[in-house]
Amino acid sequence: MKILLTGANGYIGMRLLPKLLEMGHEVVCTVRDENRLSIDKETRKKVEVIEIDFLEEVVANKIPKDIDAAYFLIHLLTVTT
């Protein structure tokens, strides 16, 4: 199954990613900054990484069309005054 994992660099995403790979899934990770994705080189070879900032307008063609399932793990922490 091809899975889209948003928030891949977050607390839950970092724990879910290895489990999805162990289960044999093909994983597409979305991150704001690919350089901040803290996975080892071997894991990096097994996933597709797409840089997307969901606070901005998303270019639809950046996300593959053949996704079977998605984990939406994005949250916004803001401080209002």
N, C-alpha and C. Protein backbone atom coordinates (compact mmCIF):
# COMPACT_ATOMS: atom_id res chain seq x y z
N MET A 1 0.84 -1.16 0.00
CA MET A 1 0.00 0.00 0.00
C MET A 1 0.90 1.24 0.00
N LYS A 2 0.52 2.26 -0.76
CA LYS A 2 1.28 3.51 -0.81
C LYS A 2 0.63 4.50 0.15
N ILE A 3 1.41 4.96 1.13
CA ILE A 3 0.88 5.79 2.21
C ILE A 3 1.53 7.15 2.22
N LEU A 4 0.71 8.19 2.35
CA LEU A 4 1.18 9.56 2.53
C LEU A 4 1.26 9.83 4.02
N LEU A 5 2.44 10.25 4.47
CA LEU A 5 2.65 10.54 5.89
C LEU A 5 2.98 12.02 6.03
N THR A 6 2.00 12.82 6.43
CA THR A 6 2.26 14.24 6.67
C THR A 6 2.74 14.39 8.10
N GLY A 7 3.55 15.40 8.34
CA GLY A 7 4.10 15.56 9.68
C GLY A 7 5.08 14.46 10.01
N ALA A 8 5.80 14.00 9.01
CA ALA A 8 6.70 12.86 9.19
C ALA A 8 7.82 13.12 10.18
N ASN A 9 8.17 14.37 10.39
CA ASN A 9 9.27 14.70 11.29
C ASN A 9 8.79 14.97 12.72
N GLY A 10 7.52 14.83 12.96
CA GLY A 10 6.98 15.06 14.30
C GLY A 10 7.10 13.83 15.19
N TYR A 11 6.67 13.98 16.43
CA TYR A 11 6.79 12.92 17.43
C TYR A 11 6.13 11.62 16.97
N ILE A 12 4.88 11.71 16.55
CA ILE A 12 4.16 10.50 16.14
C ILE A 12 4.66 10.01 14.78
N GLY A 13 4.89 10.92 13.86
CA GLY A 13 5.37 10.55 12.53
C GLY A 13 6.68 9.78 12.58
N MET A 14 7.59 10.20 13.45
CA MET A 14 8.89 9.52 13.56
C MET A 14 8.75 8.12 14.14
N ARG A 15 7.70 7.86 14.89
CA ARG A 15 7.48 6.52 15.44
C ARG A 15 6.65 5.65 14.49
N LEU A 16 5.80 6.30 13.72
CA LEU A 16 4.96 5.57 12.78
C LEU A 16 5.73 5.14 11.54
N LEU A 17 6.63 5.97 11.05
CA LEU A 17 7.36 5.68 9.81
C LEU A 17 8.05 4.32 9.83
N PRO A 18 8.85 3.98 10.84
CA PRO A 18 9.50 2.66 10.80
C PRO A 18 8.50 1.50 10.84
N LYS A 19 7.39 1.69 11.52
CA LYS A 19 6.37 0.63 11.59
C LYS A 19 5.74 0.40 10.22
N LEU A 20 5.45 1.49 9.51
CA LEU A 20 4.88 1.37 8.16
C LEU A 20 5.84 0.66 7.22
N LEU A 21 7.12 1.01 7.32
CA LEU A 21 8.13 0.36 6.48
C LEU A 21 8.28 -1.12 6.83
N GLU A 22 8.26 -1.45 8.13
CA GLU A 22 8.34 -2.85 8.57
C GLU A 22 7.19 -3.67 8.01
N MET A 23 6.03 -3.02 7.86
CA MET A 23 4.85 -3.71 7.35
C MET A 23 4.86 -3.82 5.82
N GLY A 24 5.91 -3.26 5.20
CA GLY A 24 6.07 -3.40 3.76
C GLY A 24 5.39 -2.32 2.93
N HIS A 25 4.96 -1.24 3.56
CA HIS A 25 4.30 -0.17 2.82
C HIS A 25 5.32 0.73 2.13
N GLU A 26 4.89 1.32 1.04
CA GLU A 26 5.65 2.35 0.35
C GLU A 26 5.20 3.67 0.98
N VAL A 27 6.14 4.48 1.47
CA VAL A 27 5.78 5.68 2.23
C VAL A 27 6.29 6.94 1.54
N VAL A 28 5.38 7.91 1.41
CA VAL A 28 5.72 9.25 0.92
C VAL A 28 5.59 10.19 2.10
N CYS A 29 6.71 10.81 2.50
CA CYS A 29 6.73 11.71 3.65
C CYS A 29 6.64 13.16 3.17
N THR A 30 5.82 13.95 3.83
CA THR A 30 5.82 15.38 3.56
C THR A 30 6.41 16.10 4.77
N VAL A 31 7.29 17.04 4.47
CA VAL A 31 7.96 17.83 5.50
C VAL A 31 8.11 19.26 4.99
N ARG A 32 8.22 20.20 5.91
CA ARG A 32 8.47 21.59 5.49
C ARG A 32 9.89 21.77 5.01
N ASP A 33 10.85 21.09 5.63
CA ASP A 33 12.26 21.24 5.29
C ASP A 33 12.90 19.85 5.27
N GLU A 34 13.24 19.40 4.09
CA GLU A 34 13.81 18.05 3.94
C GLU A 34 15.09 17.89 4.75
N ASN A 35 15.85 18.95 4.92
CA ASN A 35 17.10 18.89 5.68
C ASN A 35 16.87 18.62 7.16
N ARG A 36 15.65 18.87 7.65
CA ARG A 36 15.35 18.65 9.07
C ARG A 36 14.74 17.28 9.33
N LEU A 37 14.53 16.49 8.29
CA LEU A 37 13.97 15.15 8.48
C LEU A 37 15.05 14.27 9.09
N SER A 38 14.86 13.92 10.34
CA SER A 38 15.90 13.22 11.09
C SER A 38 15.73 11.71 11.05
N ILE A 39 16.00 11.16 9.86
CA ILE A 39 15.99 9.70 9.71
C ILE A 39 17.37 9.28 9.19
N ASP A 40 17.74 8.04 9.47
CA ASP A 40 19.05 7.57 9.03
C ASP A 40 19.07 7.36 7.51
N LYS A 41 20.26 7.22 6.97
CA LYS A 41 20.45 7.11 5.52
C LYS A 41 19.74 5.91 4.92
N GLU A 42 19.74 4.79 5.63
CA GLU A 42 19.08 3.58 5.12
C GLU A 42 17.57 3.78 5.02
N THR A 43 16.98 4.39 6.04
CA THR A 43 15.54 4.67 6.00
C THR A 43 15.23 5.67 4.91
N ARG A 44 16.10 6.67 4.75
CA ARG A 44 15.88 7.71 3.73
C ARG A 44 15.81 7.11 2.33
N LYS A 45 16.59 6.05 2.09
CA LYS A 45 16.58 5.38 0.78
C LYS A 45 15.25 4.66 0.51
N LYS A 46 14.50 4.36 1.57
CA LYS A 46 13.27 3.59 1.44
C LYS A 46 12.01 4.44 1.28
N VAL A 47 12.14 5.76 1.44
CA VAL A 47 10.96 6.63 1.38
C VAL A 47 11.13 7.71 0.34
N GLU A 48 10.01 8.25 -0.10
CA GLU A 48 10.01 9.44 -0.96
C GLU A 48 9.71 10.62 -0.05
N VAL A 49 10.45 11.70 -0.19
CA VAL A 49 10.26 12.88 0.64
C VAL A 49 9.85 14.05 -0.25
N ILE A 50 8.78 14.74 0.15
CA ILE A 50 8.30 15.90 -0.57
C ILE A 50 8.25 17.08 0.39
N GLU A 51 8.85 18.19 -0.03
CA GLU A 51 8.79 19.40 0.79
C GLU A 51 7.50 20.16 0.48
N ILE A 52 6.68 20.32 1.51
CA ILE A 52 5.43 21.08 1.39
C ILE A 52 5.21 21.82 2.69
N ASP A 53 4.89 23.10 2.59
CA ASP A 53 4.51 23.88 3.76
C ASP A 53 2.99 24.04 3.69
N PHE A 54 2.27 23.33 4.53
CA PHE A 54 0.82 23.35 4.49
C PHE A 54 0.23 24.66 5.01
N LEU A 55 1.07 25.57 5.48
CA LEU A 55 0.60 26.91 5.85
C LEU A 55 0.49 27.80 4.61
N GLU A 56 1.04 27.33 3.50
CA GLU A 56 0.96 28.04 2.23
C GLU A 56 0.09 27.23 1.28
N GLU A 57 -0.23 27.81 0.13
CA GLU A 57 -1.02 27.10 -0.86
C GLU A 57 -0.24 25.90 -1.38
N VAL A 58 -0.88 24.76 -1.37
CA VAL A 58 -0.22 23.52 -1.79
C VAL A 58 -0.40 23.33 -3.29
N VAL A 59 0.70 23.06 -3.96
CA VAL A 59 0.67 22.76 -5.39
C VAL A 59 0.24 21.30 -5.52
N ALA A 60 -0.93 21.10 -6.12
CA ALA A 60 -1.54 19.76 -6.16
C ALA A 60 -0.65 18.70 -6.80
N ASN A 61 0.11 19.06 -7.80
CA ASN A 61 0.90 18.04 -8.50
C ASN A 61 2.14 17.59 -7.72
N LYS A 62 2.39 18.17 -6.56
CA LYS A 62 3.52 17.72 -5.73
C LYS A 62 3.20 16.39 -5.03
N ILE A 63 1.92 16.15 -4.77
CA ILE A 63 1.50 14.94 -4.07
C ILE A 63 1.12 13.88 -5.11
N PRO A 64 1.69 12.69 -5.01
CA PRO A 64 1.36 11.63 -5.97
C PRO A 64 -0.14 11.32 -5.97
N LYS A 65 -0.63 10.97 -7.13
CA LYS A 65 -2.06 10.67 -7.28
C LYS A 65 -2.41 9.24 -6.89
N ASP A 66 -1.42 8.38 -6.75
CA ASP A 66 -1.69 6.97 -6.47
C ASP A 66 -1.56 6.60 -4.99
N ILE A 67 -1.90 7.53 -4.11
CA ILE A 67 -1.86 7.28 -2.67
C ILE A 67 -3.07 6.43 -2.27
N ASP A 68 -2.84 5.38 -1.48
CA ASP A 68 -3.91 4.51 -1.02
C ASP A 68 -4.48 4.95 0.33
N ALA A 69 -3.63 5.52 1.19
CA ALA A 69 -4.06 5.95 2.52
C ALA A 69 -3.16 7.10 2.96
N ALA A 70 -3.66 7.88 3.92
CA ALA A 70 -2.88 9.01 4.42
C ALA A 70 -3.02 9.15 5.92
N TYR A 71 -1.91 9.53 6.54
CA TYR A 71 -1.91 9.90 7.96
C TYR A 71 -1.66 11.40 8.00
N PHE A 72 -2.63 12.15 8.50
CA PHE A 72 -2.53 13.60 8.59
C PHE A 72 -2.14 13.94 10.01
N LEU A 73 -0.84 14.15 10.24
CA LEU A 73 -0.32 14.36 11.59
C LEU A 73 0.18 15.78 11.78
N ILE A 74 -0.48 16.72 11.12
CA ILE A 74 -0.06 18.12 11.21
C ILE A 74 -0.92 18.81 12.25
N HIS A 75 -0.27 19.59 13.08
CA HIS A 75 -1.01 20.43 14.02
C HIS A 75 -0.33 21.78 14.06
N LEU A 76 -1.04 22.76 14.51
CA LEU A 76 -0.51 24.12 14.57
C LEU A 76 -0.52 24.60 15.98
N LEU A 77 0.65 24.91 16.46
CA LEU A 77 0.76 25.46 17.80
C LEU A 77 1.00 26.96 17.65
N THR A 78 0.06 27.76 18.09
CA THR A 78 0.23 29.19 18.00
C THR A 78 -0.06 29.82 19.33
N VAL A 79 0.50 30.96 19.54
CA VAL A 79 0.25 31.73 20.74
C VAL A 79 -0.47 33.00 20.31
N THR A 80 -1.64 33.22 20.86
CA THR A 80 -2.37 34.43 20.52
C THR A 80 -2.25 35.41 21.68
N THR A 81 -2.19 36.67 21.34
CA THR A 81 -2.07 37.68 22.38
C THR A 81 -3.25 38.61 22.36
